Amino acid sequence: MKKVLVLCTGNSCRSQMAEGLINARLSDQFVAYSAGTQPSGYVHPRAIAVMGELGIDLSQNESKSTELFRGQYFDYVITVCDSARETCPVWLEQAGQKTHIGFYDPAEATGTDEEVTAVFRQIRDEIANQILSLLQS
């Protein structure tokens, strides 16, 4: 099994959704983890909800620090926000393939509940398309 670490700043939305998607859809080849350079301490309720729509349960996930993974080797490290790419811990330089695929932070979306939820769905689907394609190629 190849190990994947997905990084963002808060580890509350984008990296959590990516971890869930990889573990649900590519579990025969990959095991994914996610972390934040400045963990928020929670997983965003809307990220949990839109992943639940796909049958992927993030309700028990926790926001984690990159420090939790110090000393571990990863075949892939994927940053999903510009801030995480810029502050990626130096010790992750030992990882295999390092890739940046930036996504808008859905936690910054404004509007009605339905409009904000639609942004979370859009980002979830973009993550599914781009990150799963990357790992399958």
N, C-alpha and C. Protein backbone atom coordinates (compact mmCIF):
# COMPACT_ATOMS: atom_id res chain seq x y z
N MET A 1 0.84 -1.18 0.00
CA MET A 1 0.00 0.00 0.00
C MET A 1 0.88 1.25 0.00
N LYS A 2 0.51 2.20 -0.83
CA LYS A 2 1.22 3.46 -0.85
C LYS A 2 0.55 4.43 0.12
N LYS A 3 1.38 5.21 0.80
CA LYS A 3 0.88 6.16 1.80
C LYS A 3 0.81 7.56 1.20
N VAL A 4 -0.31 8.24 1.48
CA VAL A 4 -0.54 9.59 0.99
C VAL A 4 -0.81 10.50 2.18
N LEU A 5 -0.17 11.66 2.21
CA LEU A 5 -0.46 12.69 3.21
C LEU A 5 -0.98 13.90 2.48
N VAL A 6 -2.18 14.35 2.86
CA VAL A 6 -2.79 15.52 2.25
C VAL A 6 -2.74 16.65 3.28
N LEU A 7 -2.17 17.78 2.86
CA LEU A 7 -1.97 18.90 3.78
C LEU A 7 -2.74 20.14 3.37
N CYS A 8 -3.29 20.81 4.36
CA CYS A 8 -3.79 22.18 4.19
C CYS A 8 -3.46 22.92 5.48
N THR A 9 -3.98 24.09 5.64
CA THR A 9 -3.63 24.86 6.82
C THR A 9 -4.36 24.35 8.05
N GLY A 10 -5.70 24.36 8.02
CA GLY A 10 -6.48 24.03 9.21
C GLY A 10 -6.86 22.58 9.37
N ASN A 11 -6.74 21.79 8.30
CA ASN A 11 -7.14 20.38 8.31
C ASN A 11 -8.59 20.24 8.78
N SER A 12 -9.46 21.12 8.24
CA SER A 12 -10.88 21.05 8.62
C SER A 12 -11.79 20.76 7.44
N CYS A 13 -11.36 21.05 6.21
CA CYS A 13 -12.23 20.87 5.04
C CYS A 13 -11.55 20.09 3.92
N ARG A 14 -10.73 20.80 3.14
CA ARG A 14 -10.18 20.23 1.90
C ARG A 14 -9.36 18.97 2.12
N SER A 15 -8.42 19.01 3.04
CA SER A 15 -7.58 17.83 3.25
C SER A 15 -8.38 16.68 3.87
N GLN A 16 -9.36 17.00 4.69
CA GLN A 16 -10.22 15.96 5.26
C GLN A 16 -11.03 15.28 4.17
N MET A 17 -11.60 16.08 3.25
CA MET A 17 -12.38 15.50 2.16
C MET A 17 -11.50 14.64 1.27
N ALA A 18 -10.28 15.11 1.00
CA ALA A 18 -9.36 14.32 0.16
C ALA A 18 -9.00 13.00 0.83
N GLU A 19 -8.71 13.04 2.11
CA GLU A 19 -8.39 11.81 2.86
C GLU A 19 -9.55 10.82 2.75
N GLY A 20 -10.76 11.31 2.98
CA GLY A 20 -11.93 10.44 2.91
C GLY A 20 -12.15 9.85 1.54
N LEU A 21 -11.99 10.66 0.51
CA LEU A 21 -12.18 10.18 -0.87
C LEU A 21 -11.15 9.13 -1.25
N ILE A 22 -9.89 9.37 -0.92
CA ILE A 22 -8.84 8.41 -1.26
C ILE A 22 -9.09 7.09 -0.54
N ASN A 23 -9.38 7.17 0.75
CA ASN A 23 -9.58 5.94 1.53
C ASN A 23 -10.84 5.19 1.11
N ALA A 24 -11.84 5.90 0.61
CA ALA A 24 -13.07 5.24 0.18
C ALA A 24 -12.96 4.67 -1.23
N ARG A 25 -12.30 5.40 -2.11
CA ARG A 25 -12.34 5.02 -3.52
C ARG A 25 -11.08 4.32 -4.04
N LEU A 26 -9.97 4.48 -3.33
CA LEU A 26 -8.72 3.88 -3.80
C LEU A 26 -8.07 3.01 -2.72
N SER A 27 -8.88 2.46 -1.84
CA SER A 27 -8.35 1.73 -0.68
C SER A 27 -7.60 0.45 -1.05
N ASP A 28 -7.73 0.01 -2.29
CA ASP A 28 -6.99 -1.18 -2.70
C ASP A 28 -5.52 -0.87 -3.00
N GLN A 29 -5.20 0.43 -3.16
CA GLN A 29 -3.83 0.82 -3.50
C GLN A 29 -3.20 1.81 -2.53
N PHE A 30 -4.05 2.61 -1.87
CA PHE A 30 -3.55 3.72 -1.07
C PHE A 30 -4.19 3.75 0.32
N VAL A 31 -3.43 4.29 1.26
CA VAL A 31 -3.98 4.67 2.56
C VAL A 31 -3.63 6.14 2.74
N ALA A 32 -4.65 6.94 3.03
CA ALA A 32 -4.46 8.39 3.10
C ALA A 32 -4.62 8.90 4.52
N TYR A 33 -3.87 9.96 4.79
CA TYR A 33 -3.92 10.68 6.05
C TYR A 33 -4.00 12.16 5.69
N SER A 34 -4.49 12.96 6.61
CA SER A 34 -4.49 14.40 6.37
C SER A 34 -3.99 15.11 7.62
N ALA A 35 -3.48 16.32 7.41
CA ALA A 35 -2.96 17.11 8.52
C ALA A 35 -2.97 18.57 8.14
N GLY A 36 -2.78 19.41 9.14
CA GLY A 36 -2.73 20.85 8.92
C GLY A 36 -1.47 21.45 9.50
N THR A 37 -0.99 22.49 8.84
CA THR A 37 0.18 23.20 9.35
C THR A 37 -0.20 24.02 10.58
N GLN A 38 -1.48 24.41 10.67
CA GLN A 38 -2.03 25.09 11.85
C GLN A 38 -3.43 24.52 12.08
N PRO A 39 -3.54 23.31 12.64
CA PRO A 39 -4.83 22.63 12.73
C PRO A 39 -5.88 23.45 13.48
N SER A 40 -7.09 23.40 12.94
CA SER A 40 -8.20 24.18 13.48
C SER A 40 -8.78 23.57 14.75
N GLY A 41 -8.59 22.27 14.93
CA GLY A 41 -9.15 21.61 16.09
C GLY A 41 -10.51 20.97 15.85
N TYR A 42 -11.01 21.08 14.62
CA TYR A 42 -12.31 20.48 14.31
C TYR A 42 -12.39 20.17 12.82
N VAL A 43 -13.33 19.29 12.47
CA VAL A 43 -13.64 19.03 11.07
C VAL A 43 -14.94 19.79 10.79
N HIS A 44 -14.94 20.57 9.74
CA HIS A 44 -16.08 21.44 9.43
C HIS A 44 -17.36 20.61 9.24
N PRO A 45 -18.44 20.99 9.90
CA PRO A 45 -19.70 20.24 9.78
C PRO A 45 -20.21 20.11 8.35
N ARG A 46 -20.00 21.11 7.51
CA ARG A 46 -20.46 21.00 6.13
C ARG A 46 -19.60 20.03 5.33
N ALA A 47 -18.31 19.94 5.65
CA ALA A 47 -17.47 18.93 4.99
C ALA A 47 -17.97 17.54 5.36
N ILE A 48 -18.30 17.35 6.62
CA ILE A 48 -18.85 16.07 7.06
C ILE A 48 -20.15 15.77 6.32
N ALA A 49 -21.01 16.78 6.20
CA ALA A 49 -22.32 16.59 5.56
C ALA A 49 -22.20 16.24 4.08
N VAL A 50 -21.37 16.98 3.32
CA VAL A 50 -21.30 16.72 1.88
C VAL A 50 -20.57 15.41 1.57
N MET A 51 -19.67 15.00 2.44
CA MET A 51 -19.04 13.70 2.26
C MET A 51 -20.03 12.60 2.60
N GLY A 52 -20.88 12.83 3.58
CA GLY A 52 -21.92 11.87 3.93
C GLY A 52 -22.87 11.61 2.77
N GLU A 53 -23.07 12.63 1.92
CA GLU A 53 -23.91 12.45 0.73
C GLU A 53 -23.35 11.38 -0.20
N LEU A 54 -22.04 11.15 -0.12
CA LEU A 54 -21.38 10.12 -0.95
C LEU A 54 -21.20 8.81 -0.18
N GLY A 55 -21.71 8.77 1.03
CA GLY A 55 -21.56 7.57 1.84
C GLY A 55 -20.21 7.48 2.53
N ILE A 56 -19.51 8.60 2.64
CA ILE A 56 -18.19 8.64 3.28
C ILE A 56 -18.34 9.36 4.61
N ASP A 57 -18.05 8.68 5.70
CA ASP A 57 -18.27 9.21 7.04
C ASP A 57 -16.99 9.84 7.60
N LEU A 58 -17.03 11.15 7.78
CA LEU A 58 -15.90 11.87 8.39
C LEU A 58 -16.21 12.28 9.83
N SER A 59 -17.33 11.82 10.37
CA SER A 59 -17.79 12.32 11.67
C SER A 59 -16.83 11.98 12.81
N GLN A 60 -16.01 10.97 12.64
CA GLN A 60 -15.05 10.61 13.70
C GLN A 60 -13.65 11.15 13.43
N ASN A 61 -13.47 11.83 12.29
CA ASN A 61 -12.15 12.39 11.97
C ASN A 61 -11.81 13.53 12.92
N GLU A 62 -10.53 13.77 13.06
CA GLU A 62 -10.04 14.86 13.89
C GLU A 62 -9.06 15.71 13.09
N SER A 63 -9.01 16.98 13.41
CA SER A 63 -8.03 17.88 12.83
C SER A 63 -6.68 17.57 13.46
N LYS A 64 -5.67 17.29 12.62
CA LYS A 64 -4.38 16.85 13.12
C LYS A 64 -3.25 17.77 12.65
N SER A 65 -2.20 17.82 13.43
CA SER A 65 -1.01 18.59 13.08
C SER A 65 -0.05 17.74 12.24
N THR A 66 0.69 18.40 11.39
CA THR A 66 1.72 17.70 10.62
C THR A 66 2.73 17.04 11.54
N GLU A 67 2.92 17.58 12.74
CA GLU A 67 3.89 17.02 13.68
C GLU A 67 3.57 15.57 14.06
N LEU A 68 2.30 15.20 13.98
CA LEU A 68 1.89 13.83 14.28
C LEU A 68 2.55 12.83 13.34
N PHE A 69 2.95 13.30 12.16
CA PHE A 69 3.49 12.40 11.14
C PHE A 69 5.01 12.54 10.96
N ARG A 70 5.65 13.30 11.83
CA ARG A 70 7.10 13.48 11.75
C ARG A 70 7.79 12.11 11.79
N GLY A 71 8.75 11.94 10.91
CA GLY A 71 9.53 10.71 10.87
C GLY A 71 8.92 9.61 10.03
N GLN A 72 7.71 9.81 9.53
CA GLN A 72 7.08 8.79 8.69
C GLN A 72 7.36 9.10 7.21
N TYR A 73 7.47 8.06 6.43
CA TYR A 73 7.66 8.22 5.00
C TYR A 73 6.31 8.17 4.29
N PHE A 74 6.13 9.05 3.31
CA PHE A 74 4.92 9.04 2.49
C PHE A 74 5.33 8.97 1.02
N ASP A 75 4.63 8.14 0.27
CA ASP A 75 4.88 8.03 -1.16
C ASP A 75 4.43 9.29 -1.88
N TYR A 76 3.37 9.91 -1.37
CA TYR A 76 2.83 11.15 -1.94
C TYR A 76 2.51 12.13 -0.82
N VAL A 77 2.91 13.36 -1.02
CA VAL A 77 2.46 14.46 -0.17
C VAL A 77 1.79 15.46 -1.11
N ILE A 78 0.52 15.73 -0.82
CA ILE A 78 -0.26 16.63 -1.67
C ILE A 78 -0.72 17.81 -0.83
N THR A 79 -0.32 19.01 -1.22
CA THR A 79 -0.82 20.21 -0.56
C THR A 79 -2.02 20.71 -1.35
N VAL A 80 -3.07 21.11 -0.62
CA VAL A 80 -4.31 21.53 -1.27
C VAL A 80 -4.63 23.00 -1.04
N CYS A 81 -3.70 23.72 -0.41
CA CYS A 81 -3.86 25.18 -0.29
C CYS A 81 -2.49 25.82 -0.37
N ASP A 82 -2.45 27.06 -0.84
CA ASP A 82 -1.18 27.75 -1.04
C ASP A 82 -0.41 27.93 0.26
N SER A 83 -1.11 28.22 1.35
CA SER A 83 -0.45 28.42 2.63
C SER A 83 0.29 27.17 3.08
N ALA A 84 -0.34 26.02 2.94
CA ALA A 84 0.32 24.76 3.33
C ALA A 84 1.53 24.48 2.45
N ARG A 85 1.41 24.81 1.17
CA ARG A 85 2.55 24.60 0.27
C ARG A 85 3.73 25.45 0.71
N GLU A 86 3.45 26.68 1.10
CA GLU A 86 4.53 27.60 1.49
C GLU A 86 5.13 27.25 2.84
N THR A 87 4.35 26.64 3.72
CA THR A 87 4.84 26.32 5.06
C THR A 87 5.00 24.83 5.29
N CYS A 88 5.09 24.07 4.22
CA CYS A 88 5.24 22.62 4.33
C CYS A 88 6.49 22.31 5.15
N PRO A 89 6.36 21.48 6.16
CA PRO A 89 7.51 21.18 7.02
C PRO A 89 8.69 20.64 6.24
N VAL A 90 9.87 21.10 6.59
CA VAL A 90 11.09 20.70 5.90
C VAL A 90 11.27 19.19 5.94
N TRP A 91 10.90 18.55 7.03
CA TRP A 91 11.11 17.10 7.14
C TRP A 91 10.32 16.31 6.11
N LEU A 92 9.31 16.93 5.50
CA LEU A 92 8.56 16.23 4.46
C LEU A 92 9.30 16.21 3.12
N GLU A 93 10.44 16.86 3.06
CA GLU A 93 11.25 16.82 1.84
C GLU A 93 11.70 15.39 1.53
N GLN A 94 11.68 14.52 2.53
CA GLN A 94 12.08 13.13 2.33
C GLN A 94 10.99 12.30 1.67
N ALA A 95 9.84 12.89 1.47
CA ALA A 95 8.71 12.15 0.89
C ALA A 95 9.00 11.83 -0.57
N GLY A 96 8.20 10.90 -1.10
CA GLY A 96 8.32 10.55 -2.52
C GLY A 96 7.88 11.72 -3.39
N GLN A 97 6.77 11.60 -4.04
CA GLN A 97 6.27 12.65 -4.94
C GLN A 97 5.54 13.73 -4.15
N LYS A 98 5.94 14.98 -4.36
CA LYS A 98 5.28 16.12 -3.73
C LYS A 98 4.54 16.89 -4.81
N THR A 99 3.26 17.13 -4.57
CA THR A 99 2.41 17.79 -5.57
C THR A 99 1.56 18.83 -4.89
N HIS A 100 1.34 19.94 -5.60
CA HIS A 100 0.42 20.97 -5.11
C HIS A 100 -0.75 21.07 -6.07
N ILE A 101 -1.96 20.92 -5.52
CA ILE A 101 -3.19 21.16 -6.27
C ILE A 101 -4.05 22.04 -5.38
N GLY A 102 -4.08 23.32 -5.67
CA GLY A 102 -4.80 24.26 -4.82
C GLY A 102 -6.30 24.27 -5.09
N PHE A 103 -7.06 24.36 -4.02
CA PHE A 103 -8.51 24.46 -4.10
C PHE A 103 -8.97 25.63 -3.25
N TYR A 104 -10.04 26.27 -3.67
CA TYR A 104 -10.66 27.33 -2.89
C TYR A 104 -11.09 26.76 -1.54
N ASP A 105 -10.97 27.56 -0.49
CA ASP A 105 -11.38 27.11 0.84
C ASP A 105 -12.88 27.29 0.99
N PRO A 106 -13.66 26.20 1.01
CA PRO A 106 -15.11 26.35 1.09
C PRO A 106 -15.57 26.97 2.40
N ALA A 107 -14.75 26.93 3.44
CA ALA A 107 -15.11 27.55 4.71
C ALA A 107 -15.22 29.07 4.57
N GLU A 108 -14.67 29.62 3.51
CA GLU A 108 -14.75 31.07 3.27
C GLU A 108 -15.98 31.46 2.46
N ALA A 109 -16.76 30.49 2.01
CA ALA A 109 -17.94 30.78 1.19
C ALA A 109 -18.98 31.55 1.99
N THR A 110 -19.68 32.43 1.30
CA THR A 110 -20.75 33.21 1.93
C THR A 110 -22.03 33.04 1.12
N GLY A 111 -23.13 33.39 1.74
CA GLY A 111 -24.42 33.29 1.09
C GLY A 111 -25.40 32.52 1.94
N THR A 112 -26.45 32.05 1.32
CA THR A 112 -27.44 31.25 2.02
C THR A 112 -26.84 29.89 2.38
N ASP A 113 -27.53 29.16 3.24
CA ASP A 113 -27.05 27.82 3.59
C ASP A 113 -26.88 26.96 2.35
N GLU A 114 -27.84 27.03 1.45
CA GLU A 114 -27.78 26.22 0.23
C GLU A 114 -26.62 26.65 -0.67
N GLU A 115 -26.37 27.96 -0.77
CA GLU A 115 -25.26 28.44 -1.59
C GLU A 115 -23.91 27.99 -1.02
N VAL A 116 -23.76 28.07 0.30
CA VAL A 116 -22.51 27.66 0.93
C VAL A 116 -22.32 26.14 0.78
N THR A 117 -23.39 25.39 0.99
CA THR A 117 -23.31 23.94 0.82
C THR A 117 -22.95 23.59 -0.62
N ALA A 118 -23.47 24.34 -1.57
CA ALA A 118 -23.14 24.10 -2.99
C ALA A 118 -21.64 24.29 -3.23
N VAL A 119 -21.02 25.26 -2.56
CA VAL A 119 -19.57 25.47 -2.70
C VAL A 119 -18.82 24.27 -2.13
N PHE A 120 -19.24 23.77 -0.98
CA PHE A 120 -18.61 22.59 -0.40
C PHE A 120 -18.71 21.40 -1.36
N ARG A 121 -19.88 21.23 -1.98
CA ARG A 121 -20.05 20.13 -2.94
C ARG A 121 -19.13 20.30 -4.14
N GLN A 122 -19.04 21.54 -4.63
CA GLN A 122 -18.18 21.81 -5.78
C GLN A 122 -16.73 21.48 -5.47
N ILE A 123 -16.24 21.92 -4.32
CA ILE A 123 -14.85 21.66 -3.94
C ILE A 123 -14.64 20.16 -3.72
N ARG A 124 -15.59 19.50 -3.08
CA ARG A 124 -15.52 18.04 -2.90
C ARG A 124 -15.35 17.34 -4.26
N ASP A 125 -16.16 17.75 -5.23
CA ASP A 125 -16.12 17.12 -6.55
C ASP A 125 -14.82 17.45 -7.29
N GLU A 126 -14.32 18.67 -7.14
CA GLU A 126 -13.03 19.03 -7.75
C GLU A 126 -11.91 18.21 -7.15
N ILE A 127 -11.93 18.05 -5.84
CA ILE A 127 -10.91 17.23 -5.16
C ILE A 127 -10.98 15.79 -5.68
N ALA A 128 -12.20 15.26 -5.76
CA ALA A 128 -12.37 13.88 -6.26
C ALA A 128 -11.80 13.75 -7.66
N ASN A 129 -12.13 14.66 -8.53
CA ASN A 129 -11.66 14.58 -9.91
C ASN A 129 -10.15 14.71 -10.02
N GLN A 130 -9.60 15.72 -9.39
CA GLN A 130 -8.17 16.02 -9.60
C GLN A 130 -7.24 15.11 -8.80
N ILE A 131 -7.52 14.90 -7.53
CA ILE A 131 -6.59 14.12 -6.71
C ILE A 131 -6.70 12.63 -7.03
N LEU A 132 -7.91 12.13 -7.20
CA LEU A 132 -8.03 10.71 -7.54
C LEU A 132 -7.42 10.43 -8.91
N SER A 133 -7.59 11.35 -9.86
CA SER A 133 -6.96 11.20 -11.18
C SER A 133 -5.44 11.18 -11.07
N LEU A 134 -4.91 12.08 -10.26
CA LEU A 134 -3.46 12.13 -10.06
C LEU A 134 -2.94 10.79 -9.54
N LEU A 135 -3.58 10.26 -8.53
CA LEU A 135 -3.10 9.02 -7.92
C LEU A 135 -3.30 7.81 -8.82
N GLN A 136 -4.29 7.84 -9.68
CA GLN A 136 -4.54 6.71 -10.58
C GLN A 136 -3.67 6.75 -11.81
N SER A 137 -3.01 7.88 -12.08
CA SER A 137 -2.19 7.98 -13.30
C SER A 137 -0.80 7.40 -13.10
